[in-house]
Structures are given as C-alpha cells and as structure tokens.
Amino acid sequence: ALDAPVLSAKFSSGLLANANAVAYARPHDVDIARPGHGVTGIPVRVARILTIGPVVRLELERAGEAVPIEAEITRERLRELALQEGEEVVVQPRRVRVFPLSERQIQERIEAII
C-alpha cells in the first residue's frame, strides 16, 4: 500500500496490511482517479457516494480489507469523474503522515482484523 512495503494505509478509519508503520491521510487529502495507463495509486471500489452540500463523501473498499477508505471530493470533481457506485477507481493520497508501530501494535491490529 502507498507504494512502500513497510506502510499500510489508514484513511480516517482503520485499514491495515502487515506493516511496521501506518500512514494517515485525511479524507480531503485523498484524490480519486480512473484506472488507466500510467495511473498510480491504491485500487478500490466505490461502495457509497454521499452528497452533503458542496462536498461529496466517498466510501471506498479495498480488496481484502474490512474497513473502508473515506475520501471527500467536490461536486465538480464528481461530475468530472462521473463516478457510480460499484465502479473501480484508484485512490491517490496527497499529504500523508507516517507513524511507526511497535511489534505489539502490529500484532494487535492483525488480531483485530482476523
């Protein structure tokens, strides 16, 4: 996840792969792109689209992960992408903060997923 083997992604909720660090990005610091040649990021499926005023909240599912990734985009961006629930897209986190995990924290998170 996040193009680094030592990272797992966590976007406002709790997403974990075997890792010794966790990366956090706020929902408004996550961009969405259509998959295509040269497009990099984390492949996800659009599970839910919630329009709240000028902001659109997306719930995104990553294969093998129980907790969704949350992203916020503008209505304009939603129109540009013409997103529909069930479609495959790519998450591109922008400002990411990385925090190391202890061995105990890693084990606790893995056990919580299992």
PDB file of N, CA and C in Angstrom:
ATOM      1  N   ALA A   1       0.833  -1.185   0.000  1.00  0.00           N
ATOM      2  CA  ALA A   1       0.000   0.000   0.000  1.00  0.00           C
ATOM      3  C   ALA A   1       0.872   1.241   0.000  1.00  0.00           C
ATOM      4  N   LEU A   2       0.437   2.249  -0.633  1.00  0.00           N
ATOM      5  CA  LEU A   2       1.157   3.512  -0.747  1.00  0.00           C
ATOM      6  C   LEU A   2       2.548   3.332  -1.361  1.00  0.00           C
ATOM      7  N   ASP A   3       2.703   2.354  -2.220  1.00  0.00           N
ATOM      8  CA  ASP A   3       3.943   2.110  -2.949  1.00  0.00           C
ATOM      9  C   ASP A   3       5.164   1.931  -2.065  1.00  0.00           C
ATOM     10  N   ALA A   4       4.991   1.451  -0.850  1.00  0.00           N
ATOM     11  CA  ALA A   4       6.125   1.182   0.033  1.00  0.00           C
ATOM     12  C   ALA A   4       5.799  -0.052   0.852  1.00  0.00           C
ATOM     13  N   PRO A   5       6.645  -1.048   0.858  1.00  0.00           N
ATOM     14  CA  PRO A   5       6.317  -2.297   1.539  1.00  0.00           C
ATOM     15  C   PRO A   5       6.184  -2.168   3.049  1.00  0.00           C
ATOM     16  N   VAL A   6       6.731  -1.121   3.648  1.00  0.00           N
ATOM     17  CA  VAL A   6       6.648  -1.007   5.100  1.00  0.00           C
ATOM     18  C   VAL A   6       5.435  -0.212   5.552  1.00  0.00           C
ATOM     19  N   LEU A   7       4.607   0.243   4.632  1.00  0.00           N
ATOM     20  CA  LEU A   7       3.465   1.074   5.012  1.00  0.00           C
ATOM     21  C   LEU A   7       2.158   0.329   4.852  1.00  0.00           C
ATOM     22  N   SER A   8       1.215   0.675   5.696  1.00  0.00           N
ATOM     23  CA  SER A   8      -0.166   0.309   5.455  1.00  0.00           C
ATOM     24  C   SER A   8      -0.942   1.609   5.402  1.00  0.00           C
ATOM     25  N   ALA A   9      -2.071   1.599   4.760  1.00  0.00           N
ATOM     26  CA  ALA A   9      -2.829   2.837   4.610  1.00  0.00           C
ATOM     27  C   ALA A   9      -3.941   2.894   5.633  1.00  0.00           C
ATOM     28  N   LYS A  10      -4.127   4.033   6.204  1.00  0.00           N
ATOM     29  CA  LYS A  10      -5.267   4.241   7.085  1.00  0.00           C
ATOM     30  C   LYS A  10      -5.843   5.595   6.740  1.00  0.00           C
ATOM     31  N   PHE A  11      -7.089   5.612   6.287  1.00  0.00           N
ATOM     32  CA  PHE A  11      -7.738   6.834   5.872  1.00  0.00           C
ATOM     33  C   PHE A  11      -8.973   7.037   6.729  1.00  0.00           C
ATOM     34  N   SER A  12      -8.837   7.765   7.783  1.00  0.00           N
ATOM     35  CA  SER A  12      -9.883   8.154   8.723  1.00  0.00           C
ATOM     36  C   SER A  12     -10.522   6.982   9.457  1.00  0.00           C
ATOM     37  N   SER A  13     -10.329   5.785   8.995  1.00  0.00           N
ATOM     38  CA  SER A  13     -10.886   4.624   9.674  1.00  0.00           C
ATOM     39  C   SER A  13      -9.737   3.719  10.067  1.00  0.00           C
ATOM     40  N   GLY A  14      -9.687   2.502   9.603  1.00  0.00           N
ATOM     41  CA  GLY A  14      -8.591   1.636  10.004  1.00  0.00           C
ATOM     42  C   GLY A  14      -8.293   0.550   9.006  1.00  0.00           C
ATOM     43  N   LEU A  15      -7.357   0.758   8.175  1.00  0.00           N
ATOM     44  CA  LEU A  15      -7.027  -0.174   7.124  1.00  0.00           C
ATOM     45  C   LEU A  15      -5.624  -0.683   7.387  1.00  0.00           C
ATOM     46  N   LEU A  16      -5.418  -2.006   7.333  1.00  0.00           N
ATOM     47  CA  LEU A  16      -4.095  -2.498   7.713  1.00  0.00           C
ATOM     48  C   LEU A  16      -3.664  -3.686   6.884  1.00  0.00           C
ATOM     49  N   ALA A  17      -2.448  -3.640   6.470  1.00  0.00           N
ATOM     50  CA  ALA A  17      -1.773  -4.796   5.885  1.00  0.00           C
ATOM     51  C   ALA A  17      -0.604  -5.089   6.820  1.00  0.00           C
ATOM     52  N   ASN A  18       0.066  -6.211   6.660  1.00  0.00           N
ATOM     53  CA  ASN A  18       1.225  -6.490   7.512  1.00  0.00           C
ATOM     54  C   ASN A  18       2.246  -5.390   7.274  1.00  0.00           C
ATOM     55  N   ALA A  19       2.552  -4.626   8.312  1.00  0.00           N
ATOM     56  CA  ALA A  19       3.424  -3.469   8.151  1.00  0.00           C
ATOM     57  C   ALA A  19       4.014  -3.087   9.487  1.00  0.00           C
ATOM     58  N   ASN A  20       5.040  -2.241   9.466  1.00  0.00           N
ATOM     59  CA  ASN A  20       5.583  -1.742  10.714  1.00  0.00           C
ATOM     60  C   ASN A  20       5.422  -0.239  10.823  1.00  0.00           C
ATOM     61  N   ALA A  21       4.559   0.308  10.003  1.00  0.00           N
ATOM     62  CA  ALA A  21       4.211   1.721  10.071  1.00  0.00           C
ATOM     63  C   ALA A  21       2.791   1.875   9.556  1.00  0.00           C
ATOM     64  N   VAL A  22       2.161   2.966   9.926  1.00  0.00           N
ATOM     65  CA  VAL A  22       0.825   3.251   9.422  1.00  0.00           C
ATOM     66  C   VAL A  22       0.854   4.663   8.844  1.00  0.00           C
ATOM     67  N   ALA A  23       0.204   4.835   7.701  1.00  0.00           N
ATOM     68  CA  ALA A  23       0.144   6.134   7.038  1.00  0.00           C
ATOM     69  C   ALA A  23      -1.273   6.668   7.158  1.00  0.00           C
ATOM     70  N   TYR A  24      -1.384   7.933   7.515  1.00  0.00           N
ATOM     71  CA  TYR A  24      -2.680   8.583   7.672  1.00  0.00           C
ATOM     72  C   TYR A  24      -2.833   9.691   6.639  1.00  0.00           C
ATOM     73  N   ALA A  25      -3.995   9.770   6.028  1.00  0.00           N
ATOM     74  CA  ALA A  25      -4.341  10.879   5.146  1.00  0.00           C
ATOM     75  C   ALA A  25      -5.783  11.251   5.455  1.00  0.00           C
ATOM     76  N   ARG A  26      -6.041  12.524   5.601  1.00  0.00           N
ATOM     77  CA  ARG A  26      -7.416  12.979   5.857  1.00  0.00           C
ATOM     78  C   ARG A  26      -8.244  12.791   4.600  1.00  0.00           C
ATOM     79  N   PRO A  27      -9.556  12.583   4.760  1.00  0.00           N
ATOM     80  CA  PRO A  27     -10.404  12.339   3.580  1.00  0.00           C
ATOM     81  C   PRO A  27     -10.280  13.411   2.497  1.00  0.00           C
ATOM     82  N   HIS A  28     -10.088  14.670   2.868  1.00  0.00           N
ATOM     83  CA  HIS A  28      -9.966  15.728   1.857  1.00  0.00           C
ATOM     84  C   HIS A  28      -8.565  15.782   1.242  1.00  0.00           C
ATOM     85  N   ASP A  29      -7.638  14.970   1.751  1.00  0.00           N
ATOM     86  CA  ASP A  29      -6.292  14.868   1.178  1.00  0.00           C
ATOM     87  C   ASP A  29      -6.132  13.613   0.328  1.00  0.00           C
ATOM     88  N   VAL A  30      -7.239  13.069  -0.128  1.00  0.00           N
ATOM     89  CA  VAL A  30      -7.243  11.861  -0.955  1.00  0.00           C
ATOM     90  C   VAL A  30      -7.904  12.216  -2.283  1.00  0.00           C
ATOM     91  N   ASP A  31      -7.207  11.965  -3.388  1.00  0.00           N
ATOM     92  CA  ASP A  31      -7.788  12.202  -4.700  1.00  0.00           C
ATOM     93  C   ASP A  31      -8.212  10.868  -5.303  1.00  0.00           C
ATOM     94  N   ILE A  32      -9.094  10.948  -6.259  1.00  0.00           N
ATOM     95  CA  ILE A  32      -9.625   9.767  -6.940  1.00  0.00           C
ATOM     96  C   ILE A  32      -9.313   9.912  -8.423  1.00  0.00           C
ATOM     97  N   ALA A  33      -8.908   8.821  -9.049  1.00  0.00           N
ATOM     98  CA  ALA A  33      -8.647   8.827 -10.491  1.00  0.00           C
ATOM     99  C   ALA A  33      -9.220   7.554 -11.098  1.00  0.00           C
ATOM    100  N   ARG A  34      -9.482   7.633 -12.367  1.00  0.00           N
ATOM    101  CA  ARG A  34      -9.894   6.447 -13.109  1.00  0.00           C
ATOM    102  C   ARG A  34      -8.643   5.627 -13.420  1.00  0.00           C
ATOM    103  N   PRO A  35      -8.746   4.300 -13.352  1.00  0.00           N
ATOM    104  CA  PRO A  35      -7.591   3.477 -13.700  1.00  0.00           C
ATOM    105  C   PRO A  35      -7.238   3.660 -15.175  1.00  0.00           C
ATOM    106  N   GLY A  36      -5.972   3.598 -15.459  1.00  0.00           N
ATOM    107  CA  GLY A  36      -5.533   3.723 -16.840  1.00  0.00           C
ATOM    108  C   GLY A  36      -4.032   3.652 -16.923  1.00  0.00           C
ATOM    109  N   HIS A  37      -3.534   3.729 -18.121  1.00  0.00           N
ATOM    110  CA  HIS A  37      -2.093   3.650 -18.362  1.00  0.00           C
ATOM    111  C   HIS A  37      -1.377   4.781 -17.626  1.00  0.00           C
ATOM    112  N   GLY A  38      -0.411   4.415 -16.790  1.00  0.00           N
ATOM    113  CA  GLY A  38       0.375   5.405 -16.072  1.00  0.00           C
ATOM    114  C   GLY A  38      -0.257   5.942 -14.803  1.00  0.00           C
ATOM    115  N   VAL A  39      -1.464   5.525 -14.470  1.00  0.00           N
ATOM    116  CA  VAL A  39      -2.135   5.985 -13.254  1.00  0.00           C
ATOM    117  C   VAL A  39      -1.676   5.110 -12.093  1.00  0.00           C
ATOM    118  N   THR A  40      -1.153   5.749 -11.052  1.00  0.00           N
ATOM    119  CA  THR A  40      -0.693   5.005  -9.882  1.00  0.00           C
ATOM    120  C   THR A  40      -1.586   5.310  -8.696  1.00  0.00           C
ATOM    121  N   GLY A  41      -1.572   4.434  -7.721  1.00  0.00           N
ATOM    122  CA  GLY A  41      -2.374   4.610  -6.518  1.00  0.00           C
ATOM    123  C   GLY A  41      -2.858   3.270  -5.998  1.00  0.00           C
ATOM    124  N   ILE A  42      -3.839   3.335  -5.132  1.00  0.00           N
ATOM    125  CA  ILE A  42      -4.391   2.153  -4.486  1.00  0.00           C
ATOM    126  C   ILE A  42      -5.719   1.807  -5.162  1.00  0.00           C
ATOM    127  N   PRO A  43      -5.837   0.620  -5.776  1.00  0.00           N
ATOM    128  CA  PRO A  43      -7.096   0.254  -6.428  1.00  0.00           C
ATOM    129  C   PRO A  43      -8.195  -0.009  -5.398  1.00  0.00           C
ATOM    130  N   VAL A  44      -9.365   0.571  -5.633  1.00  0.00           N
ATOM    131  CA  VAL A  44     -10.517   0.424  -4.738  1.00  0.00           C
ATOM    132  C   VAL A  44     -11.796   0.370  -5.564  1.00  0.00           C
ATOM    133  N   ARG A  45     -12.884   0.009  -4.887  1.00  0.00           N
ATOM    134  CA  ARG A  45     -14.222   0.012  -5.488  1.00  0.00           C
ATOM    135  C   ARG A  45     -15.061   1.053  -4.774  1.00  0.00           C
ATOM    136  N   VAL A  46     -15.831   1.844  -5.507  1.00  0.00           N
ATOM    137  CA  VAL A  46     -16.710   2.844  -4.909  1.00  0.00           C
ATOM    138  C   VAL A  46     -17.897   2.114  -4.297  1.00  0.00           C
ATOM    139  N   ALA A  47     -17.958   2.098  -2.966  1.00  0.00           N
ATOM    140  CA  ALA A  47     -19.045   1.405  -2.269  1.00  0.00           C
ATOM    141  C   ALA A  47     -20.250   2.320  -2.071  1.00  0.00           C
ATOM    142  N   ARG A  48     -19.974   3.597  -1.802  1.00  0.00           N
ATOM    143  CA  ARG A  48     -21.076   4.508  -1.484  1.00  0.00           C
ATOM    144  C   ARG A  48     -20.682   5.934  -1.848  1.00  0.00           C
ATOM    145  N   ILE A  49     -21.638   6.686  -2.368  1.00  0.00           N
ATOM    146  CA  ILE A  49     -21.444   8.099  -2.694  1.00  0.00           C
ATOM    147  C   ILE A  49     -22.478   8.897  -1.909  1.00  0.00           C
ATOM    148  N   LEU A  50     -22.015   9.792  -1.046  1.00  0.00           N
ATOM    149  CA  LEU A  50     -22.898  10.612  -0.217  1.00  0.00           C
ATOM    150  C   LEU A  50     -22.651  12.083  -0.522  1.00  0.00           C
ATOM    151  N   THR A  51     -23.664  12.766  -1.048  1.00  0.00           N
ATOM    152  CA  THR A  51     -23.522  14.181  -1.357  1.00  0.00           C
ATOM    153  C   THR A  51     -24.068  14.987  -0.192  1.00  0.00           C
ATOM    154  N   ILE A  52     -23.197  15.860   0.357  1.00  0.00           N
ATOM    155  CA  ILE A  52     -23.552  16.680   1.512  1.00  0.00           C
ATOM    156  C   ILE A  52     -23.191  18.122   1.153  1.00  0.00           C
ATOM    157  N   GLY A  53     -24.173  18.893   0.672  1.00  0.00           N
ATOM    158  CA  GLY A  53     -23.880  20.254   0.243  1.00  0.00           C
ATOM    159  C   GLY A  53     -22.887  20.234  -0.903  1.00  0.00           C
ATOM    160  N   PRO A  54     -21.840  21.075  -0.840  1.00  0.00           N
ATOM    161  CA  PRO A  54     -20.855  21.122  -1.930  1.00  0.00           C
ATOM    162  C   PRO A  54     -19.824  19.994  -1.874  1.00  0.00           C
ATOM    163  N   VAL A  55     -19.878  19.189  -0.809  1.00  0.00           N
ATOM    164  CA  VAL A  55     -18.892  18.126  -0.603  1.00  0.00           C
ATOM    165  C   VAL A  55     -19.519  16.764  -0.891  1.00  0.00           C
ATOM    166  N   VAL A  56     -18.727  15.897  -1.492  1.00  0.00           N
ATOM    167  CA  VAL A  56     -19.157  14.526  -1.746  1.00  0.00           C
ATOM    168  C   VAL A  56     -18.240  13.608  -0.952  1.00  0.00           C
ATOM    169  N   ARG A  57     -18.844  12.780  -0.114  1.00  0.00           N
ATOM    170  CA  ARG A  57     -18.080  11.804   0.665  1.00  0.00           C
ATOM    171  C   ARG A  57     -18.186  10.463  -0.032  1.00  0.00           C
ATOM    172  N   LEU A  58     -17.017   9.838  -0.227  1.00  0.00           N
ATOM    173  CA  LEU A  58     -16.961   8.532  -0.873  1.00  0.00           C
ATOM    174  C   LEU A  58     -16.509   7.488   0.133  1.00  0.00           C
ATOM    175  N   GLU A  59     -17.193   6.360   0.151  1.00  0.00           N
ATOM    176  CA  GLU A  59     -16.747   5.200   0.917  1.00  0.00           C
ATOM    177  C   GLU A  59     -16.195   4.219  -0.107  1.00  0.00           C
ATOM    178  N   LEU A  60     -14.925   3.890   0.069  1.00  0.00           N
ATOM    179  CA  LEU A  60     -14.206   3.079  -0.906  1.00  0.00           C
ATOM    180  C   LEU A  60     -13.749   1.785  -0.266  1.00  0.00           C
ATOM    181  N   GLU A  61     -13.899   0.687  -0.978  1.00  0.00           N
ATOM    182  CA  GLU A  61     -13.500  -0.617  -0.455  1.00  0.00           C
ATOM    183  C   GLU A  61     -12.271  -1.114  -1.188  1.00  0.00           C
ATOM    184  N   ARG A  62     -11.338  -1.607  -0.399  1.00  0.00           N
ATOM    185  CA  ARG A  62     -10.110  -2.189  -0.949  1.00  0.00           C
ATOM    186  C   ARG A  62     -10.208  -3.696  -0.778  1.00  0.00           C
ATOM    187  N   ALA A  63      -9.869  -4.436  -1.788  1.00  0.00           N
ATOM    188  CA  ALA A  63      -9.944  -5.897  -1.740  1.00  0.00           C
ATOM    189  C   ALA A  63      -9.169  -6.427  -0.542  1.00  0.00           C
ATOM    190  N   GLY A  64      -9.809  -7.292   0.234  1.00  0.00           N
ATOM    191  CA  GLY A  64      -9.156  -7.920   1.371  1.00  0.00           C
ATOM    192  C   GLY A  64      -9.138  -7.082   2.635  1.00  0.00           C
ATOM    193  N   GLU A  65      -9.735  -5.902   2.619  1.00  0.00           N
ATOM    194  CA  GLU A  65      -9.748  -5.035   3.797  1.00  0.00           C
ATOM    195  C   GLU A  65     -11.180  -4.865   4.285  1.00  0.00           C
ATOM    196  N   ALA A  66     -11.358  -4.927   5.591  1.00  0.00           N
ATOM    197  CA  ALA A  66     -12.694  -4.843   6.175  1.00  0.00           C
ATOM    198  C   ALA A  66     -13.175  -3.406   6.352  1.00  0.00           C
ATOM    199  N   VAL A  67     -12.267  -2.479   6.555  1.00  0.00           N
ATOM    200  CA  VAL A  67     -12.641  -1.104   6.859  1.00  0.00           C
ATOM    201  C   VAL A  67     -12.512  -0.247   5.597  1.00  0.00           C
ATOM    202  N   PRO A  68     -13.549   0.550   5.287  1.00  0.00           N
ATOM    203  CA  PRO A  68     -13.474   1.350   4.056  1.00  0.00           C
ATOM    204  C   PRO A  68     -12.498   2.523   4.175  1.00  0.00           C
ATOM    205  N   ILE A  69     -12.036   2.975   3.030  1.00  0.00           N
ATOM    206  CA  ILE A  69     -11.272   4.211   2.929  1.00  0.00           C
ATOM    207  C   ILE A  69     -12.297   5.311   2.675  1.00  0.00           C
ATOM    208  N   GLU A  70     -12.147   6.442   3.335  1.00  0.00           N
ATOM    209  CA  GLU A  70     -13.049   7.565   3.118  1.00  0.00           C
ATOM    210  C   GLU A  70     -12.318   8.658   2.372  1.00  0.00           C
ATOM    211  N   ALA A  71     -13.008   9.249   1.412  1.00  0.00           N
ATOM    212  CA  ALA A  71     -12.454  10.357   0.645  1.00  0.00           C
ATOM    213  C   ALA A  71     -13.529  11.419   0.492  1.00  0.00           C
ATOM    214  N   GLU A  72     -13.105  12.673   0.410  1.00  0.00           N
ATOM    215  CA  GLU A  72     -14.020  13.780   0.160  1.00  0.00           C
ATOM    216  C   GLU A  72     -13.554  14.509  -1.089  1.00  0.00           C
ATOM    217  N   ILE A  73     -14.492  14.715  -2.009  1.00  0.00           N
ATOM    218  CA  ILE A  73     -14.209  15.457  -3.226  1.00  0.00           C
ATOM    219  C   ILE A  73     -15.322  16.483  -3.419  1.00  0.00           C
ATOM    220  N   THR A  74     -15.136  17.401  -4.357  1.00  0.00           N
ATOM    221  CA  THR A  74     -16.173  18.393  -4.644  1.00  0.00           C
ATOM    222  C   THR A  74     -17.208  17.794  -5.604  1.00  0.00           C
ATOM    223  N   ARG A  75     -18.365  18.431  -5.649  1.00  0.00           N
ATOM    224  CA  ARG A  75     -19.387  18.006  -6.611  1.00  0.00           C
ATOM    225  C   ARG A  75     -18.858  18.121  -8.036  1.00  0.00           C
ATOM    226  N   GLU A  76     -18.068  19.154  -8.276  1.00  0.00           N
ATOM    227  CA  GLU A  76     -17.482  19.348  -9.605  1.00  0.00           C
ATOM    228  C   GLU A  76     -16.592  18.167  -9.986  1.00  0.00           C
ATOM    229  N   ARG A  77     -15.760  17.723  -9.039  1.00  0.00           N
ATOM    230  CA  ARG A  77     -14.881  16.578  -9.301  1.00  0.00           C
ATOM    231  C   ARG A  77     -15.703  15.310  -9.547  1.00  0.00           C
ATOM    232  N   LEU A  78     -16.797  15.161  -8.804  1.00  0.00           N
ATOM    233  CA  LEU A  78     -17.688  14.014  -9.012  1.00  0.00           C
ATOM    234  C   LEU A  78     -18.244  14.029 -10.428  1.00  0.00           C
ATOM    235  N   ARG A  79     -18.673  15.204 -10.903  1.00  0.00           N
ATOM    236  CA  ARG A  79     -19.188  15.322 -12.273  1.00  0.00           C
ATOM    237  C   ARG A  79     -18.098  15.002 -13.299  1.00  0.00           C
ATOM    238  N   GLU A  80     -16.865  15.504 -13.049  1.00  0.00           N
ATOM    239  CA  GLU A  80     -15.752  15.234 -13.978  1.00  0.00           C
ATOM    240  C   GLU A  80     -15.492  13.738 -14.110  1.00  0.00           C
ATOM    241  N   LEU A  81     -15.500  13.037 -12.973  1.00  0.00           N
ATOM    242  CA  LEU A  81     -15.213  11.611 -12.968  1.00  0.00           C
ATOM    243  C   LEU A  81     -16.418  10.765 -13.365  1.00  0.00           C
ATOM    244  N   ALA A  82     -17.625  11.328 -13.221  1.00  0.00           N
ATOM    245  CA  ALA A  82     -18.874  10.605 -13.495  1.00  0.00           C
ATOM    246  C   ALA A  82     -18.898   9.272 -12.749  1.00  0.00           C
ATOM    247  N   LEU A  83     -18.577   9.331 -11.468  1.00  0.00           N
ATOM    248  CA  LEU A  83     -18.497   8.109 -10.657  1.00  0.00           C
ATOM    249  C   LEU A  83     -19.865   7.509 -10.395  1.00  0.00           C
ATOM    250  N   GLN A  84     -19.880   6.192 -10.328  1.00  0.00           N
ATOM    251  CA  GLN A  84     -21.062   5.427  -9.959  1.00  0.00           C
ATOM    252  C   GLN A  84     -20.662   4.407  -8.906  1.00  0.00           C
ATOM    253  N   GLU A  85     -21.578   4.093  -8.002  1.00  0.00           N
ATOM    254  CA  GLU A  85     -21.298   3.055  -7.008  1.00  0.00           C
ATOM    255  C   GLU A  85     -21.018   1.741  -7.718  1.00  0.00           C
ATOM    256  N   GLY A  86     -20.031   1.012  -7.215  1.00  0.00           N
ATOM    257  CA  GLY A  86     -19.641  -0.265  -7.797  1.00  0.00           C
ATOM    258  C   GLY A  86     -18.479  -0.170  -8.762  1.00  0.00           C
ATOM    259  N   GLU A  87     -18.113   1.032  -9.178  1.00  0.00           N
ATOM    260  CA  GLU A  87     -17.006   1.191 -10.124  1.00  0.00           C
ATOM    261  C   GLU A  87     -15.652   1.054  -9.449  1.00  0.00           C
ATOM    262  N   GLU A  88     -14.676   0.623 -10.251  1.00  0.00           N
ATOM    263  CA  GLU A  88     -13.294   0.525  -9.785  1.00  0.00           C
ATOM    264  C   GLU A  88     -12.589   1.845 -10.082  1.00  0.00           C
ATOM    265  N   VAL A  89     -11.891   2.380  -9.072  1.00  0.00           N
ATOM    266  CA  VAL A  89     -11.120   3.609  -9.220  1.00  0.00           C
ATOM    267  C   VAL A  89      -9.783   3.438  -8.506  1.00  0.00           C
ATOM    268  N   VAL A  90      -8.977   4.492  -8.534  1.00  0.00           N
ATOM    269  CA  VAL A  90      -7.681   4.480  -7.883  1.00  0.00           C
ATOM    270  C   VAL A  90      -7.628   5.632  -6.890  1.00  0.00           C
ATOM    271  N   VAL A  91      -7.199   5.334  -5.645  1.00  0.00           N
ATOM    272  CA  VAL A  91      -7.018   6.345  -4.609  1.00  0.00           C
ATOM    273  C   VAL A  91      -5.586   6.861  -4.696  1.00  0.00           C
ATOM    274  N   GLN A  92      -5.456   8.179  -4.674  1.00  0.00           N
ATOM    275  CA  GLN A  92      -4.142   8.816  -4.706  1.00  0.00           C
ATOM    276  C   GLN A  92      -4.020   9.752  -3.512  1.00  0.00           C
ATOM    277  N   PRO A  93      -3.461   9.259  -2.398  1.00  0.00           N
ATOM    278  CA  PRO A  93      -3.308  10.119  -1.226  1.00  0.00           C
ATOM    279  C   PRO A  93      -2.296  11.222  -1.496  1.00  0.00           C
ATOM    280  N   ARG A  94      -2.618  12.404  -0.988  1.00  0.00           N
ATOM    281  CA  ARG A  94      -1.683  13.521  -1.096  1.00  0.00           C
ATOM    282  C   ARG A  94      -0.944  13.619   0.238  1.00  0.00           C
ATOM    283  N   ARG A  95      -1.144  14.593   1.016  1.00  0.00           N
ATOM    284  CA  ARG A  95      -0.404  14.774   2.271  1.00  0.00           C
ATOM    285  C   ARG A  95      -0.635  13.584   3.207  1.00  0.00           C
ATOM    286  N   VAL A  96       0.407  12.820   3.399  1.00  0.00           N
ATOM    287  CA  VAL A  96       0.351  11.600   4.213  1.00  0.00           C
ATOM    288  C   VAL A  96       1.305  11.747   5.386  1.00  0.00           C
ATOM    289  N   ARG A  97       0.855  11.339   6.556  1.00  0.00           N
ATOM    290  CA  ARG A  97       1.722  11.296   7.737  1.00  0.00           C
ATOM    291  C   ARG A  97       1.960   9.843   8.093  1.00  0.00           C
ATOM    292  N   VAL A  98       3.197   9.504   8.384  1.00  0.00           N
ATOM    293  CA  VAL A  98       3.567   8.124   8.673  1.00  0.00           C
ATOM    294  C   VAL A  98       4.018   8.022  10.123  1.00  0.00           C
ATOM    295  N   PHE A  99       3.510   6.985  10.811  1.00  0.00           N
ATOM    296  CA  PHE A  99       3.851   6.746  12.208  1.00  0.00           C
ATOM    297  C   PHE A  99       4.321   5.309  12.357  1.00  0.00           C
ATOM    298  N   PRO A 100       5.452   5.097  13.027  1.00  0.00           N
ATOM    299  CA  PRO A 100       5.933   3.728  13.235  1.00  0.00           C
ATOM    300  C   PRO A 100       5.053   2.995  14.248  1.00  0.00           C
ATOM    301  N   LEU A 101       4.952   1.694  14.076  1.00  0.00           N
ATOM    302  CA  LEU A 101       4.208   0.846  15.004  1.00  0.00           C
ATOM    303  C   LEU A 101       5.185  -0.080  15.720  1.00  0.00           C
ATOM    304  N   SER A 102       4.889  -0.339  16.974  1.00  0.00           N
ATOM    305  CA  SER A 102       5.688  -1.332  17.699  1.00  0.00           C
ATOM    306  C   SER A 102       5.225  -2.721  17.272  1.00  0.00           C
ATOM    307  N   GLU A 103       6.024  -3.725  17.571  1.00  0.00           N
ATOM    308  CA  GLU A 103       5.640  -5.111  17.258  1.00  0.00           C
ATOM    309  C   GLU A 103       4.318  -5.475  17.920  1.00  0.00           C
ATOM    310  N   ARG A 104       4.109  -5.009  19.141  1.00  0.00           N
ATOM    311  CA  ARG A 104       2.854  -5.289  19.856  1.00  0.00           C
ATOM    312  C   ARG A 104       1.662  -4.647  19.138  1.00  0.00           C
ATOM    313  N   GLN A 105       1.818  -3.396  18.687  1.00  0.00           N
ATOM    314  CA  GLN A 105       0.744  -2.725  17.971  1.00  0.00           C
ATOM    315  C   GLN A 105       0.420  -3.442  16.663  1.00  0.00           C
ATOM    316  N   ILE A 106       1.440  -3.905  15.982  1.00  0.00           N
ATOM    317  CA  ILE A 106       1.226  -4.638  14.736  1.00  0.00           C
ATOM    318  C   ILE A 106       0.413  -5.901  15.014  1.00  0.00           C
ATOM    319  N   GLN A 107       0.800  -6.658  16.028  1.00  0.00           N
ATOM    320  CA  GLN A 107       0.099  -7.892  16.358  1.00  0.00           C
ATOM    321  C   GLN A 107      -1.348  -7.617  16.758  1.00  0.00           C
ATOM    322  N   GLU A 108      -1.586  -6.572  17.546  1.00  0.00           N
ATOM    323  CA  GLU A 108      -2.950  -6.224  17.963  1.00  0.00           C
ATOM    324  C   GLU A 108      -3.823  -5.888  16.754  1.00  0.00           C
ATOM    325  N   ARG A 109      -3.276  -5.157  15.801  1.00  0.00           N
ATOM    326  CA  ARG A 109      -4.050  -4.782  14.614  1.00  0.00           C
ATOM    327  C   ARG A 109      -4.330  -5.979  13.729  1.00  0.00           C
ATOM    328  N   ILE A 110      -3.373  -6.859  13.606  1.00  0.00           N
ATOM    329  CA  ILE A 110      -3.594  -8.062  12.812  1.00  0.00           C
ATOM    330  C   ILE A 110      -4.663  -8.931  13.467  1.00  0.00           C
ATOM    331  N   GLU A 111      -4.603  -9.094  14.787  1.00  0.00           N
ATOM    332  CA  GLU A 111      -5.605  -9.882  15.501  1.00  0.00           C
ATOM    333  C   GLU A 111      -6.991  -9.262  15.400  1.00  0.00           C
ATOM    334  N   ALA A 112      -7.083  -7.944  15.365  1.00  0.00           N
ATOM    335  CA  ALA A 112      -8.372  -7.286  15.253  1.00  0.00           C
ATOM    336  C   ALA A 112      -9.019  -7.526  13.891  1.00  0.00           C
ATOM    337  N   ILE A 113      -8.195  -7.723  12.870  1.00  0.00           N
ATOM    338  CA  ILE A 113      -8.708  -7.979  11.533  1.00  0.00           C
ATOM    339  C   ILE A 113      -9.149  -9.422  11.377  1.00  0.00           C
ATOM    340  N   ILE A 114      -8.420 -10.333  12.021  1.00  0.00           N
ATOM    341  CA  ILE A 114      -8.698 -11.772  11.865  1.00  0.00           C
ATOM    342  C   ILE A 114      -9.961 -12.175  12.536  1.00  0.00           C
TER     343      ILE A 114
END
